[in-house]
Amino acid sequence: VLYLGDVYVNGYVGFLQEGHLREWISALDKLKKLKVKTVVPGHGPISTFAGVTAYRNYLADFIATAKAYFDKHKKNEGYRLPEKYDHLGARFFLEGNFARAFELWKEKKL
């Protein structure tokens, strides 16, 4: 059993506003080496490592699509998640997460 706390949330958009997004993905990638059957997220239902992988892929997509949006529009408003993430709840974090990504983009850290 692996307890991940807020490094992994299962089933919705997590709070990313104080994180270093690329390092977050790197940390999740390192966890792949562990042989665990059950993963306990910081929020959401108990999962398997497939859920962690899905969350990691969501973070990578968020970074890529946010960066592409900033490169094109140069502004911190109007972004929408790709449709494939419509099932994720807790959208109230998205605006703040996007603002954090914009800060990192301006610092050339996204």
C-alpha atoms as a PDB file:
ATOM      1  CA  VAL A   1       0.000   0.000   0.000  1.00  0.00           C
ATOM      2  CA  LEU A   2       1.318   3.437  -0.954  1.00  0.00           C
ATOM      3  CA  TYR A   3      -0.038   6.568   0.725  1.00  0.00           C
ATOM      4  CA  LEU A   4       0.557   9.564  -1.532  1.00  0.00           C
ATOM      5  CA  GLY A   5      -1.259  12.388   0.205  1.00  0.00           C
ATOM      6  CA  ASP A   6      -1.768  15.389  -2.025  1.00  0.00           C
ATOM      7  CA  VAL A   7       0.832  14.234  -4.542  1.00  0.00           C
ATOM      8  CA  TYR A   8      -2.072  12.335  -6.071  1.00  0.00           C
ATOM      9  CA  VAL A   9      -5.785  13.071  -6.041  1.00  0.00           C
ATOM     10  CA  ASN A  10      -8.156  10.625  -7.651  1.00  0.00           C
ATOM     11  CA  GLY A  11     -11.079  11.705  -9.798  1.00  0.00           C
ATOM     12  CA  TYR A  12     -10.847  15.463 -10.003  1.00  0.00           C
ATOM     13  CA  VAL A  13      -8.658  18.475 -10.731  1.00  0.00           C
ATOM     14  CA  GLY A  14      -6.309  18.783  -7.768  1.00  0.00           C
ATOM     15  CA  PHE A  15      -4.862  21.885  -6.132  1.00  0.00           C
ATOM     16  CA  LEU A  16      -1.643  22.651  -8.041  1.00  0.00           C
ATOM     17  CA  GLN A  17      -1.202  26.262  -7.050  1.00  0.00           C
ATOM     18  CA  GLU A  18       1.839  25.860  -4.831  1.00  0.00           C
ATOM     19  CA  GLY A  19       3.530  23.137  -6.821  1.00  0.00           C
ATOM     20  CA  HIS A  20       6.364  22.975  -9.260  1.00  0.00           C
ATOM     21  CA  LEU A  21       4.502  21.240 -12.036  1.00  0.00           C
ATOM     22  CA  ARG A  22       7.351  19.623 -13.958  1.00  0.00           C
ATOM     23  CA  GLU A  23       8.933  18.359 -10.737  1.00  0.00           C
ATOM     24  CA  TRP A  24       5.548  16.971  -9.694  1.00  0.00           C
ATOM     25  CA  ILE A  25       5.464  14.845 -12.837  1.00  0.00           C
ATOM     26  CA  SER A  26       9.037  13.751 -12.233  1.00  0.00           C
ATOM     27  CA  ALA A  27       8.137  12.656  -8.689  1.00  0.00           C
ATOM     28  CA  LEU A  28       5.190  10.618  -9.986  1.00  0.00           C
ATOM     29  CA  ASP A  29       7.446   9.038 -12.618  1.00  0.00           C
ATOM     30  CA  LYS A  30       9.895   7.943  -9.902  1.00  0.00           C
ATOM     31  CA  LEU A  31       7.092   6.217  -8.031  1.00  0.00           C
ATOM     32  CA  LYS A  32       6.580   3.849 -10.989  1.00  0.00           C
ATOM     33  CA  LYS A  33       9.534   1.828  -9.707  1.00  0.00           C
ATOM     34  CA  LEU A  34       7.635   0.835  -6.580  1.00  0.00           C
ATOM     35  CA  LYS A  35       5.742  -2.428  -6.700  1.00  0.00           C
ATOM     36  CA  VAL A  36       2.442  -1.595  -5.043  1.00  0.00           C
ATOM     37  CA  LYS A  37      -1.072  -2.867  -5.592  1.00  0.00           C
ATOM     38  CA  THR A  38      -3.034  -0.251  -3.695  1.00  0.00           C
ATOM     39  CA  VAL A  39      -2.614   3.518  -3.731  1.00  0.00           C
ATOM     40  CA  VAL A  40      -4.269   5.821  -1.224  1.00  0.00           C
ATOM     41  CA  PRO A  41      -4.620   9.333  -2.651  1.00  0.00           C
ATOM     42  CA  GLY A  42      -4.810  12.508  -0.622  1.00  0.00           C
ATOM     43  CA  HIS A  43      -8.397  12.904  -1.861  1.00  0.00           C
ATOM     44  CA  GLY A  44     -10.755  10.617  -3.729  1.00  0.00           C
ATOM     45  CA  PRO A  45     -11.269   6.872  -3.694  1.00  0.00           C
ATOM     46  CA  ILE A  46      -8.525   4.309  -3.121  1.00  0.00           C
ATOM     47  CA  SER A  47      -6.856   3.434  -6.386  1.00  0.00           C
ATOM     48  CA  THR A  48      -4.199   1.419  -8.167  1.00  0.00           C
ATOM     49  CA  PHE A  49      -1.075   2.668  -9.868  1.00  0.00           C
ATOM     50  CA  ALA A  50      -3.088   3.001 -13.080  1.00  0.00           C
ATOM     51  CA  GLY A  51      -4.865   5.913 -11.402  1.00  0.00           C
ATOM     52  CA  VAL A  52      -1.534   7.545 -10.544  1.00  0.00           C
ATOM     53  CA  THR A  53      -0.464   7.160 -14.166  1.00  0.00           C
ATOM     54  CA  ALA A  54      -3.714   8.751 -15.356  1.00  0.00           C
ATOM     55  CA  TYR A  55      -3.170  11.692 -12.966  1.00  0.00           C
ATOM     56  CA  ARG A  56       0.424  12.057 -14.164  1.00  0.00           C
ATOM     57  CA  ASN A  57      -0.788  12.131 -17.755  1.00  0.00           C
ATOM     58  CA  TYR A  58      -3.421  14.733 -16.834  1.00  0.00           C
ATOM     59  CA  LEU A  59      -0.685  16.936 -15.324  1.00  0.00           C
ATOM     60  CA  ALA A  60       1.460  16.557 -18.454  1.00  0.00           C
ATOM     61  CA  ASP A  61      -1.508  17.466 -20.679  1.00  0.00           C
ATOM     62  CA  PHE A  62      -2.370  20.427 -18.457  1.00  0.00           C
ATOM     63  CA  ILE A  63       1.191  21.750 -18.740  1.00  0.00           C
ATOM     64  CA  ALA A  64       1.368  21.214 -22.510  1.00  0.00           C
ATOM     65  CA  THR A  65      -2.022  22.739 -23.284  1.00  0.00           C
ATOM     66  CA  ALA A  66      -1.575  25.658 -20.871  1.00  0.00           C
ATOM     67  CA  LYS A  67       1.866  26.420 -22.325  1.00  0.00           C
ATOM     68  CA  ALA A  68       0.487  26.305 -25.869  1.00  0.00           C
ATOM     69  CA  TYR A  69      -2.330  28.631 -24.796  1.00  0.00           C
ATOM     70  CA  PHE A  70       0.101  31.115 -23.201  1.00  0.00           C
ATOM     71  CA  ASP A  71       2.425  30.990 -26.213  1.00  0.00           C
ATOM     72  CA  LYS A  72      -0.505  31.863 -28.475  1.00  0.00           C
ATOM     73  CA  HIS A  73      -2.577  34.270 -26.360  1.00  0.00           C
ATOM     74  CA  LYS A  74      -0.061  35.708 -23.855  1.00  0.00           C
ATOM     75  CA  LYS A  75      -2.795  36.062 -21.237  1.00  0.00           C
ATOM     76  CA  ASN A  76      -4.078  34.393 -18.101  1.00  0.00           C
ATOM     77  CA  GLU A  77      -7.737  33.944 -18.971  1.00  0.00           C
ATOM     78  CA  GLY A  78      -9.942  31.893 -21.246  1.00  0.00           C
ATOM     79  CA  TYR A  79      -8.167  28.522 -20.970  1.00  0.00           C
ATOM     80  CA  ARG A  80     -10.225  25.321 -20.948  1.00  0.00           C
ATOM     81  CA  LEU A  81      -9.109  21.801 -20.219  1.00  0.00           C
ATOM     82  CA  PRO A  82      -9.180  19.379 -23.147  1.00  0.00           C
ATOM     83  CA  GLU A  83     -12.578  17.670 -23.452  1.00  0.00           C
ATOM     84  CA  LYS A  84     -11.151  14.315 -22.421  1.00  0.00           C
ATOM     85  CA  TYR A  85     -10.947  15.700 -18.860  1.00  0.00           C
ATOM     86  CA  ASP A  86     -14.593  16.758 -18.667  1.00  0.00           C
ATOM     87  CA  HIS A  87     -15.189  13.912 -16.205  1.00  0.00           C
ATOM     88  CA  LEU A  88     -12.894  15.497 -13.602  1.00  0.00           C
ATOM     89  CA  GLY A  89     -14.677  17.340 -10.838  1.00  0.00           C
ATOM     90  CA  ALA A  90     -13.541  20.131  -8.487  1.00  0.00           C
ATOM     91  CA  ARG A  91     -13.185  22.636 -11.299  1.00  0.00           C
ATOM     92  CA  PHE A  92     -12.934  25.459  -8.775  1.00  0.00           C
ATOM     93  CA  PHE A  93      -9.190  24.712  -8.585  1.00  0.00           C
ATOM     94  CA  LEU A  94      -8.669  25.160 -12.326  1.00  0.00           C
ATOM     95  CA  GLU A  95      -8.543  28.964 -12.345  1.00  0.00           C
ATOM     96  CA  GLY A  96      -5.872  29.058  -9.629  1.00  0.00           C
ATOM     97  CA  ASN A  97      -3.949  26.212 -11.221  1.00  0.00           C
ATOM     98  CA  PHE A  98      -3.955  28.080 -14.507  1.00  0.00           C
ATOM     99  CA  ALA A  99      -2.711  31.235 -12.739  1.00  0.00           C
ATOM    100  CA  ARG A 100       0.139  29.191 -11.237  1.00  0.00           C
ATOM    101  CA  ALA A 101       1.000  27.783 -14.653  1.00  0.00           C
ATOM    102  CA  PHE A 102       1.026  31.336 -16.046  1.00  0.00           C
ATOM    103  CA  GLU A 103       3.520  32.404 -13.348  1.00  0.00           C
ATOM    104  CA  LEU A 104       5.765  29.477 -14.245  1.00  0.00           C
ATOM    105  CA  TRP A 105       5.398  30.244 -17.952  1.00  0.00           C
ATOM    106  CA  LYS A 106       6.478  33.848 -17.407  1.00  0.00           C
ATOM    107  CA  GLU A 107       9.521  32.566 -15.482  1.00  0.00           C
ATOM    108  CA  LYS A 108      10.243  30.116 -18.351  1.00  0.00           C
ATOM    109  CA  LYS A 109       9.752  27.188 -15.955  1.00  0.00           C
ATOM    110  CA  LEU A 110       6.726  25.645 -17.635  1.00  0.00           C
END
